């Protein structure tokens, strides 16, 4: 099986997963995906680049806090009201 077919099957499986799995497992897959992005960034920075940076951890923490705040709060300014209640909209740039 070539790499493109395998990648297409994986993306198709991820697209069907929210329809077939319970909410807990979808949330768990979301956490796994987000942590994977953080770890890949850290591996690229420290492993490939050979640099140590505490700024990346600060940005991850700031992004997590901002996303949690925008998701949980109900009193947002008018220009931020579109992001309230949805963690995906709150995390989008």
N, C-alpha and C. Protein backbone atom coordinates (compact mmCIF):
# COMPACT_ATOMS: atom_id res chain seq x y z
N UNK A 1 0.86 -1.18 0.00
CA UNK A 1 0.00 0.00 0.00
C UNK A 1 0.90 1.24 0.00
N UNK A 2 0.64 2.15 -0.91
CA UNK A 2 1.51 3.32 -0.96
C UNK A 2 1.12 4.35 0.11
N UNK A 3 1.97 5.31 0.29
CA UNK A 3 1.82 6.28 1.37
C UNK A 3 0.59 7.17 1.17
N UNK A 4 0.29 7.54 -0.04
CA UNK A 4 -0.88 8.41 -0.29
C UNK A 4 -2.19 7.70 0.07
N UNK A 5 -2.29 6.45 -0.27
CA UNK A 5 -3.51 5.70 0.05
C UNK A 5 -3.65 5.54 1.56
N UNK A 6 -2.55 5.30 2.24
CA UNK A 6 -2.58 5.17 3.69
C UNK A 6 -2.96 6.48 4.36
N UNK A 7 -2.41 7.58 3.86
CA UNK A 7 -2.75 8.90 4.40
C UNK A 7 -4.22 9.24 4.13
N UNK A 8 -4.70 8.92 2.94
CA UNK A 8 -6.10 9.18 2.61
C UNK A 8 -7.02 8.36 3.51
N UNK A 9 -6.68 7.11 3.77
CA UNK A 9 -7.50 6.27 4.65
C UNK A 9 -7.50 6.80 6.07
N UNK A 10 -6.36 7.30 6.54
CA UNK A 10 -6.28 7.86 7.89
C UNK A 10 -7.13 9.13 8.02
N UNK A 11 -7.05 10.00 7.02
CA UNK A 11 -7.85 11.24 7.05
C UNK A 11 -9.34 10.91 6.96
N UNK A 12 -9.69 9.94 6.16
CA UNK A 12 -11.08 9.52 6.06
C UNK A 12 -11.58 8.94 7.38
N UNK A 13 -10.74 8.17 8.04
CA UNK A 13 -11.08 7.60 9.34
C UNK A 13 -11.28 8.70 10.39
N UNK A 14 -10.41 9.71 10.36
CA UNK A 14 -10.57 10.83 11.28
C UNK A 14 -11.83 11.64 10.99
N UNK A 15 -12.22 11.72 9.74
CA UNK A 15 -13.44 12.43 9.38
C UNK A 15 -14.71 11.70 9.81
N UNK A 16 -14.67 10.39 9.81
CA UNK A 16 -15.84 9.58 10.19
C UNK A 16 -15.91 9.39 11.70
N UNK A 17 -14.78 9.52 12.40
CA UNK A 17 -14.72 9.24 13.84
C UNK A 17 -15.74 10.02 14.67
N UNK A 18 -15.98 11.33 14.44
CA UNK A 18 -16.96 12.03 15.28
C UNK A 18 -18.39 11.50 15.13
N UNK A 19 -18.68 10.87 14.02
CA UNK A 19 -20.02 10.33 13.82
C UNK A 19 -20.21 8.98 14.49
N UNK A 20 -19.12 8.25 14.69
CA UNK A 20 -19.22 6.88 15.18
C UNK A 20 -18.80 6.69 16.62
N UNK A 21 -18.01 7.60 17.18
CA UNK A 21 -17.48 7.42 18.52
C UNK A 21 -18.25 8.25 19.55
N UNK A 22 -18.21 7.83 20.81
CA UNK A 22 -18.84 8.63 21.88
C UNK A 22 -18.06 9.93 22.14
N UNK A 23 -18.69 10.84 22.85
CA UNK A 23 -18.11 12.15 23.09
C UNK A 23 -16.78 12.07 23.84
N UNK A 24 -16.68 11.18 24.82
CA UNK A 24 -15.44 11.07 25.58
C UNK A 24 -14.26 10.71 24.69
N UNK A 25 -14.46 9.78 23.78
CA UNK A 25 -13.36 9.36 22.92
C UNK A 25 -12.98 10.45 21.93
N UNK A 26 -13.95 11.22 21.47
CA UNK A 26 -13.64 12.36 20.59
C UNK A 26 -12.82 13.40 21.34
N UNK A 27 -13.21 13.68 22.58
CA UNK A 27 -12.45 14.63 23.39
C UNK A 27 -11.03 14.12 23.63
N UNK A 28 -10.90 12.85 23.89
CA UNK A 28 -9.58 12.25 24.09
C UNK A 28 -8.74 12.36 22.83
N UNK A 29 -9.32 12.11 21.67
CA UNK A 29 -8.59 12.27 20.41
C UNK A 29 -8.18 13.72 20.18
N UNK A 30 -9.02 14.67 20.57
CA UNK A 30 -8.66 16.09 20.46
C UNK A 30 -7.46 16.41 21.33
N UNK A 31 -7.45 15.92 22.56
CA UNK A 31 -6.31 16.15 23.46
C UNK A 31 -5.04 15.52 22.89
N UNK A 32 -5.16 14.32 22.36
CA UNK A 32 -3.99 13.66 21.78
C UNK A 32 -3.45 14.47 20.61
N UNK A 33 -4.33 14.97 19.77
CA UNK A 33 -3.88 15.78 18.63
C UNK A 33 -3.22 17.08 19.05
N UNK A 34 -3.79 17.77 20.04
CA UNK A 34 -3.20 19.02 20.50
C UNK A 34 -1.85 18.80 21.16
N UNK A 35 -1.75 17.79 22.00
CA UNK A 35 -0.47 17.50 22.64
C UNK A 35 0.56 17.04 21.63
N UNK A 36 0.13 16.35 20.59
CA UNK A 36 1.06 15.93 19.55
C UNK A 36 1.66 17.13 18.83
N UNK A 37 0.84 18.15 18.56
CA UNK A 37 1.36 19.36 17.93
C UNK A 37 2.39 20.04 18.81
N UNK A 38 2.12 20.11 20.11
CA UNK A 38 3.06 20.74 21.03
C UNK A 38 4.37 19.96 21.07
N UNK A 39 4.28 18.64 21.16
CA UNK A 39 5.49 17.82 21.24
C UNK A 39 6.29 17.88 19.94
N UNK A 40 5.62 17.89 18.80
CA UNK A 40 6.34 18.00 17.53
C UNK A 40 7.10 19.32 17.43
N UNK A 41 6.48 20.39 17.89
CA UNK A 41 7.17 21.68 17.91
C UNK A 41 8.37 21.67 18.83
N UNK A 42 8.22 21.02 19.99
CA UNK A 42 9.33 20.94 20.92
C UNK A 42 10.46 20.07 20.38
N UNK A 43 10.12 18.98 19.71
CA UNK A 43 11.15 18.12 19.11
C UNK A 43 11.90 18.87 18.02
N UNK A 44 11.18 19.62 17.19
CA UNK A 44 11.85 20.38 16.14
C UNK A 44 12.78 21.43 16.73
N UNK A 45 12.36 22.06 17.82
CA UNK A 45 13.16 23.12 18.41
C UNK A 45 14.38 22.58 19.13
N UNK A 46 14.18 21.59 20.00
CA UNK A 46 15.30 21.10 20.81
C UNK A 46 16.11 20.01 20.12
N UNK A 47 15.45 19.12 19.39
CA UNK A 47 16.16 18.01 18.77
C UNK A 47 16.84 18.38 17.48
N UNK A 48 16.10 18.94 16.56
CA UNK A 48 16.66 19.27 15.26
C UNK A 48 17.45 20.57 15.32
N UNK A 49 16.87 21.57 15.99
CA UNK A 49 17.53 22.87 16.06
C UNK A 49 18.61 22.95 17.12
N UNK A 50 18.54 22.09 18.15
CA UNK A 50 19.53 22.10 19.20
C UNK A 50 19.42 23.28 20.14
N UNK A 51 18.26 23.92 20.20
CA UNK A 51 18.08 25.09 21.05
C UNK A 51 17.15 24.75 22.21
N UNK A 52 17.36 25.42 23.32
CA UNK A 52 16.47 25.28 24.46
C UNK A 52 15.69 26.58 24.59
N UNK A 53 14.37 26.48 24.68
CA UNK A 53 13.55 27.68 24.75
C UNK A 53 12.41 27.46 25.73
N UNK A 54 12.31 28.36 26.68
CA UNK A 54 11.18 28.33 27.60
C UNK A 54 10.04 29.19 27.07
N UNK A 55 10.30 29.93 26.02
CA UNK A 55 9.26 30.76 25.41
C UNK A 55 8.16 29.93 24.79
N UNK A 56 8.51 28.76 24.25
CA UNK A 56 7.50 27.91 23.64
C UNK A 56 6.49 27.44 24.68
N UNK A 57 6.97 27.05 25.86
CA UNK A 57 6.07 26.63 26.92
C UNK A 57 5.18 27.79 27.36
N UNK A 58 5.73 28.99 27.37
CA UNK A 58 4.93 30.16 27.74
C UNK A 58 3.83 30.41 26.71
N UNK A 59 4.15 30.28 25.43
CA UNK A 59 3.14 30.49 24.39
C UNK A 59 2.06 29.41 24.42
N UNK A 60 2.46 28.17 24.70
CA UNK A 60 1.48 27.08 24.81
C UNK A 60 0.55 27.34 25.99
N UNK A 61 1.12 27.74 27.11
CA UNK A 61 0.30 28.04 28.29
C UNK A 61 -0.63 29.22 28.06
N UNK A 62 -0.12 30.27 27.41
CA UNK A 62 -0.95 31.44 27.12
C UNK A 62 -2.08 31.07 26.17
N UNK A 63 -1.78 30.26 25.16
CA UNK A 63 -2.83 29.83 24.23
C UNK A 63 -3.87 28.95 24.90
N UNK A 64 -3.43 28.06 25.80
CA UNK A 64 -4.37 27.20 26.52
C UNK A 64 -5.26 28.02 27.45
N UNK A 65 -4.67 28.97 28.15
CA UNK A 65 -5.46 29.82 29.04
C UNK A 65 -6.47 30.66 28.25
N UNK A 66 -6.04 31.23 27.14
CA UNK A 66 -6.92 32.06 26.33
C UNK A 66 -8.07 31.24 25.75
N UNK A 67 -7.77 30.06 25.24
CA UNK A 67 -8.81 29.19 24.69
C UNK A 67 -9.81 28.78 25.77
N UNK A 68 -9.30 28.43 26.96
CA UNK A 68 -10.20 28.04 28.05
C UNK A 68 -11.06 29.21 28.49
N UNK A 69 -10.49 30.39 28.57
CA UNK A 69 -11.25 31.57 28.99
C UNK A 69 -12.34 31.91 27.98
N UNK A 70 -11.98 31.92 26.69
CA UNK A 70 -12.96 32.26 25.67
C UNK A 70 -14.06 31.20 25.56
N UNK A 71 -13.74 29.95 25.89
CA UNK A 71 -14.74 28.89 25.84
C UNK A 71 -15.69 28.97 27.02
N UNK A 72 -15.17 29.31 28.20
CA UNK A 72 -15.97 29.23 29.43
C UNK A 72 -16.73 30.51 29.75
N UNK A 73 -16.26 31.64 29.29
CA UNK A 73 -16.89 32.90 29.68
C UNK A 73 -18.16 33.18 28.87
N UNK A 74 -19.06 33.89 29.50
CA UNK A 74 -20.30 34.25 28.80
C UNK A 74 -20.41 35.75 28.58
N UNK A 75 -19.48 36.52 29.12
CA UNK A 75 -19.51 37.97 28.97
C UNK A 75 -18.31 38.42 28.14
N UNK A 76 -18.42 38.24 26.85
CA UNK A 76 -17.35 38.65 25.95
C UNK A 76 -17.70 39.98 25.30
N UNK A 77 -16.69 40.76 24.94
CA UNK A 77 -16.97 41.98 24.18
C UNK A 77 -17.59 41.63 22.82
N UNK A 78 -18.22 42.58 22.22
CA UNK A 78 -18.93 42.34 20.96
C UNK A 78 -18.00 41.82 19.87
N UNK A 79 -16.76 42.31 19.84
CA UNK A 79 -15.85 41.89 18.78
C UNK A 79 -15.28 40.49 19.00
N UNK A 80 -15.50 39.89 20.21
CA UNK A 80 -15.04 38.54 20.49
C UNK A 80 -16.18 37.56 20.71
N UNK A 81 -17.40 38.02 20.57
CA UNK A 81 -18.56 37.17 20.87
C UNK A 81 -18.65 35.97 19.93
N UNK A 82 -18.10 36.07 18.74
CA UNK A 82 -18.16 34.96 17.78
C UNK A 82 -17.38 33.75 18.27
N UNK A 83 -16.41 33.94 19.18
CA UNK A 83 -15.58 32.82 19.64
C UNK A 83 -16.11 32.16 20.92
N UNK A 84 -17.12 32.71 21.52
CA UNK A 84 -17.60 32.18 22.80
C UNK A 84 -18.28 30.83 22.66
N UNK A 85 -17.97 29.90 23.57
CA UNK A 85 -18.63 28.62 23.63
C UNK A 85 -18.02 27.53 22.80
N UNK A 86 -17.15 27.84 21.87
CA UNK A 86 -16.55 26.81 21.01
C UNK A 86 -15.04 26.82 21.18
N UNK A 87 -14.47 25.69 21.65
CA UNK A 87 -13.01 25.66 21.78
C UNK A 87 -12.29 25.74 20.44
N UNK A 88 -12.91 25.27 19.37
CA UNK A 88 -12.26 25.34 18.05
C UNK A 88 -12.19 26.77 17.54
N UNK A 89 -13.27 27.53 17.76
CA UNK A 89 -13.23 28.94 17.34
C UNK A 89 -12.33 29.75 18.25
N UNK A 90 -12.29 29.39 19.54
CA UNK A 90 -11.43 30.11 20.47
C UNK A 90 -9.95 29.87 20.17
N UNK A 91 -9.61 28.70 19.66
CA UNK A 91 -8.22 28.37 19.38
C UNK A 91 -7.76 28.85 18.01
N UNK A 92 -8.69 29.23 17.15
CA UNK A 92 -8.30 29.64 15.79
C UNK A 92 -7.67 31.03 15.83
N UNK A 93 -6.68 31.28 14.99
CA UNK A 93 -6.00 32.58 14.99
C UNK A 93 -6.86 33.66 14.37
